[in-house]
């Protein structure tokens, strides 16, 4: 049942992200500041990944070609993020 599998994957990813952020905040002992520039980048990535995910659910049936397209999108986004990283983005307090 592919619908259940897709729901499990999305739910597990959401739970993993929430767990990691929650543990990080507990261990940090204080809030984590996010600059407005980083917020814009994160919101852009969230919107883009949401659109890609909706597209994957709309296109039926998914084939190997779609898998290759998704891997290509992932590769392009990882390359873009790697290219636009900055050493000063990390706060070393």
N, C-alpha and C. Protein backbone atom coordinates (compact mmCIF):
# COMPACT_ATOMS: atom_id res chain seq x y z
N UNK A 1 0.85 -1.16 0.00
CA UNK A 1 0.00 0.00 0.00
C UNK A 1 0.90 1.22 0.00
N UNK A 2 1.01 1.85 -1.15
CA UNK A 2 1.95 2.95 -1.31
C UNK A 2 1.54 4.20 -0.54
N UNK A 3 0.23 4.42 -0.37
CA UNK A 3 -0.21 5.61 0.36
C UNK A 3 0.24 5.58 1.81
N UNK A 4 0.16 4.40 2.42
CA UNK A 4 0.59 4.25 3.81
C UNK A 4 2.09 4.44 3.91
N UNK A 5 2.84 3.91 2.95
CA UNK A 5 4.29 4.07 2.96
C UNK A 5 4.68 5.53 2.84
N UNK A 6 4.04 6.27 1.95
CA UNK A 6 4.35 7.69 1.79
C UNK A 6 4.02 8.45 3.06
N UNK A 7 2.91 8.14 3.69
CA UNK A 7 2.54 8.79 4.95
C UNK A 7 3.52 8.48 6.06
N UNK A 8 3.98 7.22 6.10
CA UNK A 8 4.98 6.83 7.10
C UNK A 8 6.28 7.59 6.92
N UNK A 9 6.71 7.73 5.69
CA UNK A 9 7.97 8.43 5.40
C UNK A 9 7.86 9.90 5.78
N UNK A 10 6.79 10.54 5.36
CA UNK A 10 6.62 11.97 5.66
C UNK A 10 6.48 12.18 7.17
N UNK A 11 5.68 11.36 7.81
CA UNK A 11 5.50 11.47 9.26
C UNK A 11 6.79 11.23 10.02
N UNK A 12 7.56 10.23 9.60
CA UNK A 12 8.82 9.93 10.27
C UNK A 12 9.82 11.08 10.10
N UNK A 13 9.86 11.66 8.92
CA UNK A 13 10.76 12.80 8.70
C UNK A 13 10.35 13.99 9.57
N UNK A 14 9.06 14.26 9.64
CA UNK A 14 8.57 15.36 10.48
C UNK A 14 8.92 15.11 11.95
N UNK A 15 8.69 13.89 12.42
CA UNK A 15 9.00 13.55 13.81
C UNK A 15 10.50 13.65 14.09
N UNK A 16 11.34 13.20 13.15
CA UNK A 16 12.79 13.28 13.32
C UNK A 16 13.26 14.72 13.43
N UNK A 17 12.75 15.58 12.57
CA UNK A 17 13.15 16.99 12.59
C UNK A 17 12.70 17.64 13.90
N UNK A 18 11.46 17.38 14.31
CA UNK A 18 10.95 17.96 15.56
C UNK A 18 11.76 17.47 16.75
N UNK A 19 12.13 16.18 16.74
CA UNK A 19 12.92 15.61 17.83
C UNK A 19 14.30 16.24 17.91
N UNK A 20 14.97 16.36 16.78
CA UNK A 20 16.31 16.93 16.75
C UNK A 20 16.29 18.39 17.20
N UNK A 21 15.35 19.17 16.71
CA UNK A 21 15.27 20.58 17.12
C UNK A 21 14.92 20.68 18.60
N UNK A 22 14.02 19.84 19.07
CA UNK A 22 13.66 19.86 20.49
C UNK A 22 14.83 19.52 21.39
N UNK A 23 15.58 18.47 21.07
CA UNK A 23 16.76 18.09 21.86
C UNK A 23 17.80 19.20 21.81
N UNK A 24 18.00 19.78 20.65
CA UNK A 24 18.97 20.87 20.51
C UNK A 24 18.61 22.04 21.41
N UNK A 25 17.34 22.41 21.43
CA UNK A 25 16.89 23.53 22.28
C UNK A 25 17.03 23.18 23.76
N UNK A 26 16.75 21.93 24.12
CA UNK A 26 16.92 21.53 25.52
C UNK A 26 18.39 21.59 25.94
N UNK A 27 19.27 21.12 25.09
CA UNK A 27 20.70 21.11 25.42
C UNK A 27 21.31 22.51 25.36
N UNK A 28 20.79 23.36 24.50
CA UNK A 28 21.34 24.71 24.37
C UNK A 28 21.03 25.54 25.61
N UNK A 29 19.93 25.28 26.26
CA UNK A 29 19.57 26.01 27.47
C UNK A 29 19.07 27.42 27.21
N UNK A 30 19.04 27.83 25.98
CA UNK A 30 18.55 29.15 25.61
C UNK A 30 18.03 29.05 24.18
N UNK A 31 17.42 30.10 23.71
CA UNK A 31 16.90 30.11 22.35
C UNK A 31 18.01 30.11 21.32
N UNK A 32 17.66 29.76 20.12
CA UNK A 32 18.60 29.79 19.01
C UNK A 32 18.18 30.92 18.09
N UNK A 33 19.07 31.89 17.92
CA UNK A 33 18.76 33.05 17.07
C UNK A 33 18.94 32.68 15.60
N UNK A 34 17.99 33.08 14.80
CA UNK A 34 18.05 32.86 13.36
C UNK A 34 17.90 34.22 12.69
N UNK A 35 18.88 34.57 11.86
CA UNK A 35 18.82 35.88 11.21
C UNK A 35 17.69 35.92 10.18
N UNK A 36 17.29 37.13 9.82
CA UNK A 36 16.20 37.27 8.84
C UNK A 36 16.62 36.72 7.49
N UNK A 37 17.89 36.84 7.14
CA UNK A 37 18.38 36.28 5.88
C UNK A 37 18.27 34.76 5.89
N UNK A 38 18.63 34.13 7.02
CA UNK A 38 18.51 32.68 7.13
C UNK A 38 17.05 32.25 7.12
N UNK A 39 16.18 33.04 7.76
CA UNK A 39 14.75 32.71 7.73
C UNK A 39 14.23 32.71 6.30
N UNK A 40 14.65 33.69 5.51
CA UNK A 40 14.21 33.74 4.11
C UNK A 40 14.67 32.51 3.35
N UNK A 41 15.94 32.12 3.57
CA UNK A 41 16.46 30.92 2.91
C UNK A 41 15.68 29.68 3.33
N UNK A 42 15.42 29.56 4.63
CA UNK A 42 14.71 28.39 5.14
C UNK A 42 13.28 28.34 4.63
N UNK A 43 12.61 29.48 4.60
CA UNK A 43 11.25 29.52 4.07
C UNK A 43 11.21 29.20 2.58
N UNK A 44 12.21 29.67 1.84
CA UNK A 44 12.30 29.34 0.42
C UNK A 44 12.44 27.83 0.24
N UNK A 45 13.35 27.21 1.02
CA UNK A 45 13.57 25.77 0.90
C UNK A 45 12.32 25.00 1.32
N UNK A 46 11.64 25.46 2.37
CA UNK A 46 10.42 24.80 2.82
C UNK A 46 9.35 24.87 1.74
N UNK A 47 9.18 26.04 1.15
CA UNK A 47 8.19 26.18 0.09
C UNK A 47 8.51 25.34 -1.12
N UNK A 48 9.77 25.34 -1.52
CA UNK A 48 10.18 24.56 -2.68
C UNK A 48 9.99 23.07 -2.46
N UNK A 49 10.40 22.58 -1.29
CA UNK A 49 10.24 21.15 -1.03
C UNK A 49 8.76 20.78 -0.92
N UNK A 50 7.93 21.68 -0.41
CA UNK A 50 6.49 21.41 -0.34
C UNK A 50 5.88 21.30 -1.73
N UNK A 51 6.29 22.18 -2.62
CA UNK A 51 5.78 22.14 -4.00
C UNK A 51 6.23 20.85 -4.69
N UNK A 52 7.48 20.47 -4.50
CA UNK A 52 7.98 19.23 -5.12
C UNK A 52 7.23 18.02 -4.57
N UNK A 53 6.98 18.00 -3.25
CA UNK A 53 6.25 16.89 -2.65
C UNK A 53 4.81 16.82 -3.17
N UNK A 54 4.16 17.97 -3.27
CA UNK A 54 2.79 17.98 -3.82
C UNK A 54 2.80 17.49 -5.26
N UNK A 55 3.81 17.91 -6.03
CA UNK A 55 3.92 17.45 -7.40
C UNK A 55 4.09 15.94 -7.49
N UNK A 56 4.87 15.39 -6.55
CA UNK A 56 5.09 13.94 -6.54
C UNK A 56 3.78 13.20 -6.24
N UNK A 57 2.91 13.79 -5.41
CA UNK A 57 1.64 13.14 -5.11
C UNK A 57 0.63 13.31 -6.24
N UNK A 58 0.75 14.39 -6.99
CA UNK A 58 -0.19 14.63 -8.09
C UNK A 58 0.10 13.72 -9.27
N UNK A 59 1.39 13.55 -9.59
CA UNK A 59 1.79 12.73 -10.73
C UNK A 59 1.65 11.26 -10.35
N UNK A 60 0.80 10.57 -11.05
CA UNK A 60 0.61 9.15 -10.77
C UNK A 60 0.63 8.38 -12.06
N UNK A 61 1.16 7.22 -12.16
CA UNK A 61 1.99 6.56 -11.16
C UNK A 61 3.42 7.10 -11.22
N UNK A 62 4.11 7.02 -10.11
CA UNK A 62 5.52 7.43 -10.08
C UNK A 62 6.37 6.33 -10.69
N UNK A 63 7.33 6.72 -11.49
CA UNK A 63 8.19 5.76 -12.17
C UNK A 63 9.65 6.02 -11.80
N UNK A 64 10.54 5.22 -12.36
CA UNK A 64 11.98 5.42 -12.13
C UNK A 64 12.42 6.79 -12.64
N UNK A 65 11.82 7.25 -13.72
CA UNK A 65 12.15 8.56 -14.26
C UNK A 65 11.87 9.64 -13.22
N UNK A 66 10.72 9.55 -12.54
CA UNK A 66 10.38 10.51 -11.50
C UNK A 66 11.40 10.44 -10.36
N UNK A 67 11.83 9.23 -10.04
CA UNK A 67 12.86 9.07 -9.02
C UNK A 67 14.15 9.78 -9.41
N UNK A 68 14.53 9.65 -10.68
CA UNK A 68 15.74 10.33 -11.16
C UNK A 68 15.57 11.85 -11.12
N UNK A 69 14.38 12.32 -11.46
CA UNK A 69 14.12 13.76 -11.40
C UNK A 69 14.23 14.25 -9.96
N UNK A 70 13.66 13.52 -9.01
CA UNK A 70 13.73 13.91 -7.61
C UNK A 70 15.17 13.89 -7.10
N UNK A 71 15.95 12.91 -7.50
CA UNK A 71 17.36 12.87 -7.11
C UNK A 71 18.10 14.05 -7.73
N UNK A 72 17.77 14.40 -8.98
CA UNK A 72 18.38 15.56 -9.62
C UNK A 72 18.04 16.85 -8.89
N UNK A 73 16.77 17.01 -8.51
CA UNK A 73 16.37 18.20 -7.76
C UNK A 73 17.12 18.27 -6.44
N UNK A 74 17.21 17.14 -5.75
CA UNK A 74 17.96 17.08 -4.49
C UNK A 74 19.41 17.49 -4.70
N UNK A 75 20.03 16.97 -5.74
CA UNK A 75 21.43 17.29 -6.01
C UNK A 75 21.63 18.77 -6.31
N UNK A 76 20.74 19.34 -7.09
CA UNK A 76 20.84 20.76 -7.41
C UNK A 76 20.68 21.60 -6.15
N UNK A 77 19.70 21.26 -5.31
CA UNK A 77 19.48 22.03 -4.08
C UNK A 77 20.66 21.90 -3.12
N UNK A 78 21.22 20.70 -3.00
CA UNK A 78 22.39 20.52 -2.12
C UNK A 78 23.58 21.31 -2.66
N UNK A 79 23.77 21.32 -3.97
CA UNK A 79 24.84 22.12 -4.58
C UNK A 79 24.63 23.61 -4.35
N UNK A 80 23.38 24.06 -4.47
CA UNK A 80 23.07 25.47 -4.23
C UNK A 80 23.34 25.85 -2.79
N UNK A 81 22.93 24.98 -1.85
CA UNK A 81 23.17 25.27 -0.44
C UNK A 81 24.66 25.25 -0.12
N UNK A 82 25.40 24.33 -0.70
CA UNK A 82 26.85 24.26 -0.47
C UNK A 82 27.53 25.50 -1.02
N UNK A 83 27.12 25.94 -2.19
CA UNK A 83 27.72 27.11 -2.81
C UNK A 83 27.44 28.38 -2.02
N UNK A 84 26.27 28.47 -1.40
CA UNK A 84 25.86 29.68 -0.70
C UNK A 84 26.11 29.63 0.80
N UNK A 85 26.92 28.71 1.26
CA UNK A 85 27.21 28.65 2.69
C UNK A 85 28.24 29.72 3.05
N UNK A 86 28.23 30.14 4.30
CA UNK A 86 29.17 31.13 4.78
C UNK A 86 29.70 30.70 6.13
N UNK A 87 30.98 30.92 6.38
CA UNK A 87 31.60 30.54 7.64
C UNK A 87 31.01 31.32 8.80
N UNK A 88 30.58 32.56 8.57
CA UNK A 88 30.07 33.38 9.67
C UNK A 88 28.62 33.03 10.03
N UNK A 89 28.01 32.06 9.35
CA UNK A 89 26.64 31.67 9.68
C UNK A 89 26.56 30.95 11.01
N UNK A 90 27.67 30.40 11.49
CA UNK A 90 27.67 29.64 12.73
C UNK A 90 28.11 30.53 13.87
N UNK A 91 27.32 30.57 14.93
CA UNK A 91 27.63 31.38 16.10
C UNK A 91 28.41 30.53 17.09
N UNK A 92 29.63 30.92 17.40
CA UNK A 92 30.50 30.15 18.28
C UNK A 92 30.57 30.75 19.68
N UNK A 93 29.43 31.04 20.31
CA UNK A 93 29.42 31.60 21.67
C UNK A 93 29.77 30.55 22.69
